């Protein structure tokens, strides 16, 4: 499959075909299949985000002792790993500078 340039916004959880459609943070070169996988990660991350909302209403549970937050954090790192693998040189450089401790895939 042919790769094409996409524009990704982590904040709004979207992947755009056209650079001017909305604000974006990162650029990737990906196949349609890769974009579908990234979209699924965004969907899972959004579900995890909703689950963390309820935990946030109970302040006696520390963030680091909550499995919903673990899932949220894991999915966010998986999103950054996927974006790094498909990213342009500038995107890879930016993600590397974030020191996300994602393992050897971002080095």
PDB file of N, CA and C in Angstrom:
ATOM      1  N   UNK A   1       0.836  -1.196   0.000  1.00  0.00           N
ATOM      2  CA  UNK A   1       0.000   0.000   0.000  1.00  0.00           C
ATOM      3  C   UNK A   1       0.873   1.249   0.000  1.00  0.00           C
ATOM      4  N   UNK A   2       0.376   2.261  -0.636  1.00  0.00           N
ATOM      5  CA  UNK A   2       1.102   3.511  -0.700  1.00  0.00           C
ATOM      6  C   UNK A   2       0.895   4.321   0.570  1.00  0.00           C
ATOM      7  N   UNK A   3       1.962   5.002   0.964  1.00  0.00           N
ATOM      8  CA  UNK A   3       1.881   5.885   2.122  1.00  0.00           C
ATOM      9  C   UNK A   3       1.604   7.297   1.640  1.00  0.00           C
ATOM     10  N   UNK A   4       0.927   8.034   2.489  1.00  0.00           N
ATOM     11  CA  UNK A   4       0.700   9.446   2.202  1.00  0.00           C
ATOM     12  C   UNK A   4       0.840  10.226   3.498  1.00  0.00           C
ATOM     13  N   UNK A   5       0.912  11.518   3.403  1.00  0.00           N
ATOM     14  CA  UNK A   5       1.119  12.382   4.560  1.00  0.00           C
ATOM     15  C   UNK A   5      -0.219  12.624   5.263  1.00  0.00           C
ATOM     16  N   UNK A   6      -0.187  12.504   6.589  1.00  0.00           N
ATOM     17  CA  UNK A   6      -1.342  12.801   7.433  1.00  0.00           C
ATOM     18  C   UNK A   6      -0.884  13.759   8.523  1.00  0.00           C
ATOM     19  N   UNK A   7      -1.840  14.454   9.084  1.00  0.00           N
ATOM     20  CA  UNK A   7      -1.588  15.450  10.119  1.00  0.00           C
ATOM     21  C   UNK A   7      -2.356  15.024  11.358  1.00  0.00           C
ATOM     22  N   UNK A   8      -1.636  14.873  12.476  1.00  0.00           N
ATOM     23  CA  UNK A   8      -2.199  14.259  13.671  1.00  0.00           C
ATOM     24  C   UNK A   8      -2.278  15.266  14.811  1.00  0.00           C
ATOM     25  N   UNK A   9      -3.426  15.279  15.469  1.00  0.00           N
ATOM     26  CA  UNK A   9      -3.590  16.063  16.683  1.00  0.00           C
ATOM     27  C   UNK A   9      -3.834  15.103  17.844  1.00  0.00           C
ATOM     28  N   UNK A  10      -2.873  15.041  18.748  1.00  0.00           N
ATOM     29  CA  UNK A  10      -3.035  14.226  19.958  1.00  0.00           C
ATOM     30  C   UNK A  10      -4.147  14.835  20.809  1.00  0.00           C
ATOM     31  N   UNK A  11      -4.129  16.144  20.946  1.00  0.00           N
ATOM     32  CA  UNK A  11      -5.094  16.848  21.796  1.00  0.00           C
ATOM     33  C   UNK A  11      -6.533  16.547  21.390  1.00  0.00           C
ATOM     34  N   UNK A  12      -6.826  16.595  20.099  1.00  0.00           N
ATOM     35  CA  UNK A  12      -8.205  16.362  19.664  1.00  0.00           C
ATOM     36  C   UNK A  12      -8.439  14.932  19.183  1.00  0.00           C
ATOM     37  N   UNK A  13      -7.397  14.106  19.271  1.00  0.00           N
ATOM     38  CA  UNK A  13      -7.505  12.683  18.913  1.00  0.00           C
ATOM     39  C   UNK A  13      -7.979  12.498  17.469  1.00  0.00           C
ATOM     40  N   UNK A  14      -7.370  13.219  16.549  1.00  0.00           N
ATOM     41  CA  UNK A  14      -7.809  13.086  15.162  1.00  0.00           C
ATOM     42  C   UNK A  14      -6.624  13.026  14.206  1.00  0.00           C
ATOM     43  N   UNK A  15      -6.901  12.428  13.056  1.00  0.00           N
ATOM     44  CA  UNK A  15      -5.930  12.274  11.992  1.00  0.00           C
ATOM     45  C   UNK A  15      -6.554  12.908  10.745  1.00  0.00           C
ATOM     46  N   UNK A  16      -5.866  13.880  10.182  1.00  0.00           N
ATOM     47  CA  UNK A  16      -6.432  14.632   9.064  1.00  0.00           C
ATOM     48  C   UNK A  16      -5.669  14.380   7.772  1.00  0.00           C
ATOM     49  N   UNK A  17      -6.394  14.411   6.677  1.00  0.00           N
ATOM     50  CA  UNK A  17      -5.797  14.233   5.360  1.00  0.00           C
ATOM     51  C   UNK A  17      -5.210  15.533   4.837  1.00  0.00           C
ATOM     52  N   UNK A  18      -5.833  16.646   5.188  1.00  0.00           N
ATOM     53  CA  UNK A  18      -5.425  17.944   4.666  1.00  0.00           C
ATOM     54  C   UNK A  18      -4.829  18.790   5.773  1.00  0.00           C
ATOM     55  N   UNK A  19      -3.698  19.378   5.498  1.00  0.00           N
ATOM     56  CA  UNK A  19      -2.964  20.159   6.491  1.00  0.00           C
ATOM     57  C   UNK A  19      -3.786  21.307   7.058  1.00  0.00           C
ATOM     58  N   UNK A  20      -4.623  21.921   6.279  1.00  0.00           N
ATOM     59  CA  UNK A  20      -5.366  23.081   6.732  1.00  0.00           C
ATOM     60  C   UNK A  20      -6.701  22.783   7.389  1.00  0.00           C
ATOM     61  N   UNK A  21      -7.047  21.505   7.579  1.00  0.00           N
ATOM     62  CA  UNK A  21      -8.361  21.169   8.127  1.00  0.00           C
ATOM     63  C   UNK A  21      -8.545  21.642   9.573  1.00  0.00           C
ATOM     64  N   UNK A  22      -7.503  21.547  10.371  1.00  0.00           N
ATOM     65  CA  UNK A  22      -7.573  21.955  11.782  1.00  0.00           C
ATOM     66  C   UNK A  22      -6.146  22.005  12.323  1.00  0.00           C
ATOM     67  N   UNK A  23      -6.026  22.465  13.541  1.00  0.00           N
ATOM     68  CA  UNK A  23      -4.708  22.508  14.177  1.00  0.00           C
ATOM     69  C   UNK A  23      -4.215  21.079  14.401  1.00  0.00           C
ATOM     70  N   UNK A  24      -2.914  20.892  14.272  1.00  0.00           N
ATOM     71  CA  UNK A  24      -2.322  19.574  14.485  1.00  0.00           C
ATOM     72  C   UNK A  24      -0.954  19.760  15.112  1.00  0.00           C
ATOM     73  N   UNK A  25      -0.446  18.691  15.722  1.00  0.00           N
ATOM     74  CA  UNK A  25       0.860  18.763  16.365  1.00  0.00           C
ATOM     75  C   UNK A  25       1.941  18.003  15.599  1.00  0.00           C
ATOM     76  N   UNK A  26       1.553  16.907  14.921  1.00  0.00           N
ATOM     77  CA  UNK A  26       2.543  16.007  14.352  1.00  0.00           C
ATOM     78  C   UNK A  26       2.168  15.584  12.938  1.00  0.00           C
ATOM     79  N   UNK A  27       3.192  15.206  12.150  1.00  0.00           N
ATOM     80  CA  UNK A  27       2.973  14.728  10.791  1.00  0.00           C
ATOM     81  C   UNK A  27       3.471  13.291  10.682  1.00  0.00           C
ATOM     82  N   UNK A  28       2.714  12.474   9.953  1.00  0.00           N
ATOM     83  CA  UNK A  28       3.116  11.095   9.719  1.00  0.00           C
ATOM     84  C   UNK A  28       2.968  10.762   8.242  1.00  0.00           C
ATOM     85  N   UNK A  29       3.695   9.747   7.813  1.00  0.00           N
ATOM     86  CA  UNK A  29       3.523   9.169   6.487  1.00  0.00           C
ATOM     87  C   UNK A  29       3.050   7.740   6.722  1.00  0.00           C
ATOM     88  N   UNK A  30       1.822   7.439   6.313  1.00  0.00           N
ATOM     89  CA  UNK A  30       1.226   6.157   6.683  1.00  0.00           C
ATOM     90  C   UNK A  30       0.325   5.611   5.586  1.00  0.00           C
ATOM     91  N   UNK A  31       0.102   4.295   5.668  1.00  0.00           N
ATOM     92  CA  UNK A  31      -0.878   3.643   4.805  1.00  0.00           C
ATOM     93  C   UNK A  31      -2.257   3.791   5.460  1.00  0.00           C
ATOM     94  N   UNK A  32      -3.286   3.475   4.712  1.00  0.00           N
ATOM     95  CA  UNK A  32      -4.638   3.524   5.281  1.00  0.00           C
ATOM     96  C   UNK A  32      -4.771   2.549   6.453  1.00  0.00           C
ATOM     97  N   UNK A  33      -4.148   1.390   6.333  1.00  0.00           N
ATOM     98  CA  UNK A  33      -4.204   0.392   7.410  1.00  0.00           C
ATOM     99  C   UNK A  33      -3.544   0.923   8.685  1.00  0.00           C
ATOM    100  N   UNK A  34      -2.417   1.595   8.548  1.00  0.00           N
ATOM    101  CA  UNK A  34      -1.737   2.167   9.710  1.00  0.00           C
ATOM    102  C   UNK A  34      -2.585   3.259  10.355  1.00  0.00           C
ATOM    103  N   UNK A  35      -3.249   4.048   9.526  1.00  0.00           N
ATOM    104  CA  UNK A  35      -4.127   5.094  10.051  1.00  0.00           C
ATOM    105  C   UNK A  35      -5.303   4.476  10.801  1.00  0.00           C
ATOM    106  N   UNK A  36      -5.837   3.383  10.294  1.00  0.00           N
ATOM    107  CA  UNK A  36      -6.938   2.694  10.986  1.00  0.00           C
ATOM    108  C   UNK A  36      -6.489   2.191  12.352  1.00  0.00           C
ATOM    109  N   UNK A  37      -5.289   1.647  12.437  1.00  0.00           N
ATOM    110  CA  UNK A  37      -4.761   1.168  13.717  1.00  0.00           C
ATOM    111  C   UNK A  37      -4.574   2.326  14.690  1.00  0.00           C
ATOM    112  N   UNK A  38      -4.068   3.446  14.199  1.00  0.00           N
ATOM    113  CA  UNK A  38      -3.892   4.619  15.053  1.00  0.00           C
ATOM    114  C   UNK A  38      -5.247   5.161  15.509  1.00  0.00           C
ATOM    115  N   UNK A  39      -6.223   5.161  14.621  1.00  0.00           N
ATOM    116  CA  UNK A  39      -7.575   5.590  14.979  1.00  0.00           C
ATOM    117  C   UNK A  39      -8.148   4.704  16.085  1.00  0.00           C
ATOM    118  N   UNK A  40      -7.913   3.406  15.984  1.00  0.00           N
ATOM    119  CA  UNK A  40      -8.386   2.475  17.024  1.00  0.00           C
ATOM    120  C   UNK A  40      -7.702   2.764  18.356  1.00  0.00           C
ATOM    121  N   UNK A  41      -6.415   3.078  18.335  1.00  0.00           N
ATOM    122  CA  UNK A  41      -5.726   3.449  19.573  1.00  0.00           C
ATOM    123  C   UNK A  41      -6.332   4.712  20.173  1.00  0.00           C
ATOM    124  N   UNK A  42      -6.633   5.697  19.324  1.00  0.00           N
ATOM    125  CA  UNK A  42      -7.287   6.915  19.820  1.00  0.00           C
ATOM    126  C   UNK A  42      -8.639   6.590  20.451  1.00  0.00           C
ATOM    127  N   UNK A  43      -9.405   5.698  19.830  1.00  0.00           N
ATOM    128  CA  UNK A  43     -10.714   5.314  20.377  1.00  0.00           C
ATOM    129  C   UNK A  43     -10.567   4.623  21.736  1.00  0.00           C
ATOM    130  N   UNK A  44      -9.601   3.715  21.835  1.00  0.00           N
ATOM    131  CA  UNK A  44      -9.364   3.031  23.108  1.00  0.00           C
ATOM    132  C   UNK A  44      -8.911   4.017  24.170  1.00  0.00           C
ATOM    133  N   UNK A  45      -8.064   4.971  23.776  1.00  0.00           N
ATOM    134  CA  UNK A  45      -7.563   5.978  24.702  1.00  0.00           C
ATOM    135  C   UNK A  45      -8.710   6.865  25.207  1.00  0.00           C
ATOM    136  N   UNK A  46      -9.623   7.197  24.315  1.00  0.00           N
ATOM    137  CA  UNK A  46     -10.780   8.004  24.718  1.00  0.00           C
ATOM    138  C   UNK A  46     -11.655   7.240  25.712  1.00  0.00           C
ATOM    139  N   UNK A  47     -11.854   5.951  25.487  1.00  0.00           N
ATOM    140  CA  UNK A  47     -12.606   5.134  26.443  1.00  0.00           C
ATOM    141  C   UNK A  47     -11.910   5.105  27.798  1.00  0.00           C
ATOM    142  N   UNK A  48     -10.595   4.944  27.782  1.00  0.00           N
ATOM    143  CA  UNK A  48      -9.828   4.930  29.031  1.00  0.00           C
ATOM    144  C   UNK A  48      -9.922   6.279  29.732  1.00  0.00           C
ATOM    145  N   UNK A  49      -9.924   7.344  28.958  1.00  0.00           N
ATOM    146  CA  UNK A  49     -10.021   8.693  29.525  1.00  0.00           C
ATOM    147  C   UNK A  49     -11.350   8.876  30.261  1.00  0.00           C
ATOM    148  N   UNK A  50     -12.423   8.359  29.691  1.00  0.00           N
ATOM    149  CA  UNK A  50     -13.733   8.448  30.345  1.00  0.00           C
ATOM    150  C   UNK A  50     -13.741   7.693  31.669  1.00  0.00           C
ATOM    151  N   UNK A  51     -13.073   6.553  31.719  1.00  0.00           N
ATOM    152  CA  UNK A  51     -13.024   5.772  32.954  1.00  0.00           C
ATOM    153  C   UNK A  51     -12.210   6.478  34.039  1.00  0.00           C
ATOM    154  N   UNK A  52     -11.181   7.226  33.634  1.00  0.00           N
ATOM    155  CA  UNK A  52     -10.388   7.946  34.630  1.00  0.00           C
ATOM    156  C   UNK A  52     -11.166   9.113  35.227  1.00  0.00           C
ATOM    157  N   UNK A  53     -12.157   9.600  34.515  1.00  0.00           N
ATOM    158  CA  UNK A  53     -12.960  10.711  35.019  1.00  0.00           C
ATOM    159  C   UNK A  53     -13.636  10.339  36.332  1.00  0.00           C
ATOM    160  N   UNK A  54     -14.168   9.142  36.385  1.00  0.00           N
ATOM    161  CA  UNK A  54     -14.875   8.721  37.598  1.00  0.00           C
ATOM    162  C   UNK A  54     -13.918   8.566  38.774  1.00  0.00           C
ATOM    163  N   UNK A  55     -12.718   8.053  38.524  1.00  0.00           N
ATOM    164  CA  UNK A  55     -11.732   7.912  39.585  1.00  0.00           C
ATOM    165  C   UNK A  55     -11.311   9.284  40.105  1.00  0.00           C
ATOM    166  N   UNK A  56     -11.257  10.237  39.240  1.00  0.00           N
ATOM    167  CA  UNK A  56     -10.831  11.582  39.634  1.00  0.00           C
ATOM    168  C   UNK A  56     -11.779  12.201  40.655  1.00  0.00           C
ATOM    169  N   UNK A  57     -12.991  11.708  40.713  1.00  0.00           N
ATOM    170  CA  UNK A  57     -13.967  12.237  41.668  1.00  0.00           C
ATOM    171  C   UNK A  57     -13.757  11.670  43.075  1.00  0.00           C
ATOM    172  N   UNK A  58     -12.853  10.709  43.198  1.00  0.00           N
ATOM    173  CA  UNK A  58     -12.563  10.084  44.494  1.00  0.00           C
ATOM    174  C   UNK A  58     -11.104  10.390  44.832  1.00  0.00           C
ATOM    175  N   UNK A  59     -10.845  11.493  45.505  1.00  0.00           N
ATOM    176  CA  UNK A  59      -9.469  11.938  45.717  1.00  0.00           C
ATOM    177  C   UNK A  59      -8.634  11.044  46.643  1.00  0.00           C
ATOM    178  N   UNK A  60      -9.246  10.115  47.351  1.00  0.00           N
ATOM    179  CA  UNK A  60      -8.461   9.297  48.274  1.00  0.00           C
ATOM    180  C   UNK A  60      -7.676   8.193  47.563  1.00  0.00           C
ATOM    181  N   UNK A  61      -7.957   7.958  46.277  1.00  0.00           N
ATOM    182  CA  UNK A  61      -7.213   6.957  45.507  1.00  0.00           C
ATOM    183  C   UNK A  61      -6.087   7.680  44.768  1.00  0.00           C
ATOM    184  N   UNK A  62      -4.832   7.409  45.139  1.00  0.00           N
ATOM    185  CA  UNK A  62      -3.717   8.056  44.441  1.00  0.00           C
ATOM    186  C   UNK A  62      -3.669   7.653  42.975  1.00  0.00           C
ATOM    187  N   UNK A  63      -3.206   8.564  42.135  1.00  0.00           N
ATOM    188  CA  UNK A  63      -3.143   8.333  40.691  1.00  0.00           C
ATOM    189  C   UNK A  63      -2.383   7.053  40.364  1.00  0.00           C
ATOM    190  N   UNK A  64      -1.274   6.843  41.020  1.00  0.00           N
ATOM    191  CA  UNK A  64      -0.412   5.706  40.688  1.00  0.00           C
ATOM    192  C   UNK A  64      -0.911   4.378  41.263  1.00  0.00           C
ATOM    193  N   UNK A  65      -2.034   4.374  41.963  1.00  0.00           N
ATOM    194  CA  UNK A  65      -2.629   3.150  42.487  1.00  0.00           C
ATOM    195  C   UNK A  65      -3.976   2.866  41.834  1.00  0.00           C
ATOM    196  N   UNK A  66      -4.120   3.280  40.608  1.00  0.00           N
ATOM    197  CA  UNK A  66      -5.405   3.141  39.944  1.00  0.00           C
ATOM    198  C   UNK A  66      -5.211   2.507  38.568  1.00  0.00           C
ATOM    199  N   UNK A  67      -5.836   1.359  38.348  1.00  0.00           N
ATOM    200  CA  UNK A  67      -5.632   0.624  37.098  1.00  0.00           C
ATOM    201  C   UNK A  67      -6.164   1.377  35.883  1.00  0.00           C
ATOM    202  N   UNK A  68      -7.222   2.173  36.051  1.00  0.00           N
ATOM    203  CA  UNK A  68      -7.733   2.944  34.910  1.00  0.00           C
ATOM    204  C   UNK A  68      -6.683   3.931  34.411  1.00  0.00           C
ATOM    205  N   UNK A  69      -5.949   4.534  35.328  1.00  0.00           N
ATOM    206  CA  UNK A  69      -4.899   5.460  34.923  1.00  0.00           C
ATOM    207  C   UNK A  69      -3.743   4.720  34.262  1.00  0.00           C
ATOM    208  N   UNK A  70      -3.469   3.502  34.713  1.00  0.00           N
ATOM    209  CA  UNK A  70      -2.426   2.700  34.078  1.00  0.00           C
ATOM    210  C   UNK A  70      -2.783   2.420  32.617  1.00  0.00           C
ATOM    211  N   UNK A  71      -4.025   2.080  32.363  1.00  0.00           N
ATOM    212  CA  UNK A  71      -4.478   1.820  30.992  1.00  0.00           C
ATOM    213  C   UNK A  71      -4.371   3.093  30.157  1.00  0.00           C
ATOM    214  N   UNK A  72      -4.813   4.206  30.703  1.00  0.00           N
ATOM    215  CA  UNK A  72      -4.739   5.497  30.022  1.00  0.00           C
ATOM    216  C   UNK A  72      -3.293   5.815  29.631  1.00  0.00           C
ATOM    217  N   UNK A  73      -2.377   5.681  30.597  1.00  0.00           N
ATOM    218  CA  UNK A  73      -0.968   5.982  30.341  1.00  0.00           C
ATOM    219  C   UNK A  73      -0.368   5.028  29.308  1.00  0.00           C
ATOM    220  N   UNK A  74      -0.699   3.747  29.417  1.00  0.00           N
ATOM    221  CA  UNK A  74      -0.196   2.747  28.474  1.00  0.00           C
ATOM    222  C   UNK A  74      -0.636   3.089  27.052  1.00  0.00           C
ATOM    223  N   UNK A  75      -1.910   3.403  26.881  1.00  0.00           N
ATOM    224  CA  UNK A  75      -2.430   3.705  25.545  1.00  0.00           C
ATOM    225  C   UNK A  75      -1.808   4.973  24.970  1.00  0.00           C
ATOM    226  N   UNK A  76      -1.582   5.966  25.813  1.00  0.00           N
ATOM    227  CA  UNK A  76      -0.946   7.190  25.333  1.00  0.00           C
ATOM    228  C   UNK A  76       0.466   6.889  24.831  1.00  0.00           C
ATOM    229  N   UNK A  77       1.199   6.060  25.552  1.00  0.00           N
ATOM    230  CA  UNK A  77       2.533   5.686  25.091  1.00  0.00           C
ATOM    231  C   UNK A  77       2.464   4.879  23.796  1.00  0.00           C
ATOM    232  N   UNK A  78       1.469   4.008  23.674  1.00  0.00           N
ATOM    233  CA  UNK A  78       1.305   3.236  22.438  1.00  0.00           C
ATOM    234  C   UNK A  78       1.000   4.160  21.255  1.00  0.00           C
ATOM    235  N   UNK A  79       0.219   5.197  21.499  1.00  0.00           N
ATOM    236  CA  UNK A  79      -0.075   6.183  20.453  1.00  0.00           C
ATOM    237  C   UNK A  79       1.203   6.875  20.010  1.00  0.00           C
ATOM    238  N   UNK A  80       1.996   7.311  20.984  1.00  0.00           N
ATOM    239  CA  UNK A  80       3.250   7.969  20.627  1.00  0.00           C
ATOM    240  C   UNK A  80       4.214   7.015  19.927  1.00  0.00           C
ATOM    241  N   UNK A  81       4.249   5.744  20.321  1.00  0.00           N
ATOM    242  CA  UNK A  81       5.094   4.761  19.631  1.00  0.00           C
ATOM    243  C   UNK A  81       4.670   4.627  18.171  1.00  0.00           C
ATOM    244  N   UNK A  82       3.367   4.498  17.951  1.00  0.00           N
ATOM    245  CA  UNK A  82       2.854   4.347  16.585  1.00  0.00           C
ATOM    246  C   UNK A  82       3.160   5.580  15.748  1.00  0.00           C
ATOM    247  N   UNK A  83       2.946   6.746  16.329  1.00  0.00           N
ATOM    248  CA  UNK A  83       3.218   7.988  15.601  1.00  0.00           C
ATOM    249  C   UNK A  83       4.704   8.109  15.303  1.00  0.00           C
ATOM    250  N   UNK A  84       5.538   7.740  16.269  1.00  0.00           N
ATOM    251  CA  UNK A  84       6.981   7.781  16.047  1.00  0.00           C
ATOM    252  C   UNK A  84       7.372   6.891  14.871  1.00  0.00           C
ATOM    253  N   UNK A  85       6.848   5.685  14.824  1.00  0.00           N
ATOM    254  CA  UNK A  85       7.191   4.743  13.758  1.00  0.00           C
ATOM    255  C   UNK A  85       6.777   5.255  12.383  1.00  0.00           C
ATOM    256  N   UNK A  86       5.691   6.002  12.312  1.00  0.00           N
ATOM    257  CA  UNK A  86       5.201   6.520  11.037  1.00  0.00           C
ATOM    258  C   UNK A  86       5.640   7.963  10.789  1.00  0.00           C
ATOM    259  N   UNK A  87       6.231   8.576  11.788  1.00  0.00           N
ATOM    260  CA  UNK A  87       6.489  10.009  11.760  1.00  0.00           C
ATOM    261  C   UNK A  87       7.535  10.469  10.775  1.00  0.00           C
ATOM    262  N   UNK A  88       7.421  11.727  10.412  1.00  0.00           N
ATOM    263  CA  UNK A  88       8.449  12.387   9.617  1.00  0.00           C
ATOM    264  C   UNK A  88       9.671  12.568  10.511  1.00  0.00           C
ATOM    265  N   UNK A  89      10.774  12.982   9.935  1.00  0.00           N
ATOM    266  CA  UNK A  89      11.985  13.211  10.735  1.00  0.00           C
ATOM    267  C   UNK A  89      11.724  14.226  11.847  1.00  0.00           C
ATOM    268  N   UNK A  90      10.987  15.279  11.525  1.00  0.00           N
ATOM    269  CA  UNK A  90      10.680  16.305  12.524  1.00  0.00           C
ATOM    270  C   UNK A  90       9.807  15.731  13.645  1.00  0.00           C
ATOM    271  N   UNK A  91       8.838  14.900  13.304  1.00  0.00           N
ATOM    272  CA  UNK A  91       7.969  14.271  14.294  1.00  0.00           C
ATOM    273  C   UNK A  91       8.788  13.343  15.188  1.00  0.00           C
ATOM    274  N   UNK A  92       9.652  12.547  14.595  1.00  0.00           N
ATOM    275  CA  UNK A  92      10.492  11.642  15.385  1.00  0.00           C
ATOM    276  C   UNK A  92      11.388  12.416  16.335  1.00  0.00           C
ATOM    277  N   UNK A  93      11.953  13.497  15.854  1.00  0.00           N
ATOM    278  CA  UNK A  93      12.812  14.326  16.695  1.00  0.00           C
ATOM    279  C   UNK A  93      12.036  14.901  17.881  1.00  0.00           C
ATOM    280  N   UNK A  94      10.830  15.377  17.601  1.00  0.00           N
ATOM    281  CA  UNK A  94       9.998  15.953  18.661  1.00  0.00           C
ATOM    282  C   UNK A  94       9.639  14.900  19.714  1.00  0.00           C
ATOM    283  N   UNK A  95       9.207  13.729  19.278  1.00  0.00           N
ATOM    284  CA  UNK A  95       8.819  12.683  20.220  1.00  0.00           C
ATOM    285  C   UNK A  95      10.032  12.211  21.018  1.00  0.00           C
ATOM    286  N   UNK A  96      11.174  12.087  20.376  1.00  0.00           N
ATOM    287  CA  UNK A  96      12.396  11.697  21.092  1.00  0.00           C
ATOM    288  C   UNK A  96      12.739  12.709  22.180  1.00  0.00           C
ATOM    289  N   UNK A  97      12.510  13.975  21.902  1.00  0.00           N
ATOM    290  CA  UNK A  97      12.841  15.023  22.878  1.00  0.00           C
ATOM    291  C   UNK A  97      11.914  15.005  24.091  1.00  0.00           C
ATOM    292  N   UNK A  98      10.805  14.277  23.999  1.00  0.00           N
ATOM    293  CA  UNK A  98       9.836  14.230  25.094  1.00  0.00           C
ATOM    294  C   UNK A  98      10.248  13.250  26.196  1.00  0.00           C
ATOM    295  N   UNK A  99      11.217  12.382  25.924  1.00  0.00           N
ATOM    296  CA  UNK A  99      11.704  11.407  26.908  1.00  0.00           C
ATOM    297  C   UNK A  99      10.568  10.623  27.553  1.00  0.00           C
ATOM    298  N   UNK A 100       9.774   9.966  26.739  1.00  0.00           N
ATOM    299  CA  UNK A 100       8.603   9.231  27.226  1.00  0.00           C
ATOM    300  C   UNK A 100       8.913   7.850  27.773  1.00  0.00           C
ATOM    301  N   UNK A 101      10.141   7.405  27.696  1.00  0.00           N
ATOM    302  CA  UNK A 101      10.531   6.077  28.177  1.00  0.00           C
ATOM    303  C   UNK A 101       9.660   4.986  27.551  1.00  0.00           C
ATOM    304  N   UNK A 102       9.660   4.965  26.233  1.00  0.00           N
ATOM    305  CA  UNK A 102       8.845   4.008  25.494  1.00  0.00           C
ATOM    306  C   UNK A 102       9.633   2.781  25.088  1.00  0.00           C
ATOM    307  N   UNK A 103      10.899   2.681  25.443  1.00  0.00           N
ATOM    308  CA  UNK A 103      11.693   1.544  25.021  1.00  0.00           C
ATOM    309  C   UNK A 103      12.513   1.889  23.809  1.00  0.00           C
ATOM    310  N   UNK A 104      13.089   0.883  23.194  1.00  0.00           N
ATOM    311  CA  UNK A 104      14.033   1.102  22.103  1.00  0.00           C
ATOM    312  C   UNK A 104      13.381   1.519  20.799  1.00  0.00           C
ATOM    313  N   UNK A 105      12.067   1.443  20.688  1.00  0.00           N
ATOM    314  CA  UNK A 105      11.412   1.774  19.432  1.00  0.00           C
ATOM    315  C   UNK A 105      11.531   3.237  19.061  1.00  0.00           C
ATOM    316  N   UNK A 106      11.762   4.118  20.040  1.00  0.00           N
ATOM    317  CA  UNK A 106      11.846   5.540  19.708  1.00  0.00           C
ATOM    318  C   UNK A 106      13.287   6.032  19.725  1.00  0.00           C
ATOM    319  N   UNK A 107      14.240   5.135  19.719  1.00  0.00           N
ATOM    320  CA  UNK A 107      15.640   5.565  19.750  1.00  0.00           C
ATOM    321  C   UNK A 107      16.267   5.450  18.393  1.00  0.00           C
TER     322      UNK A 107
END
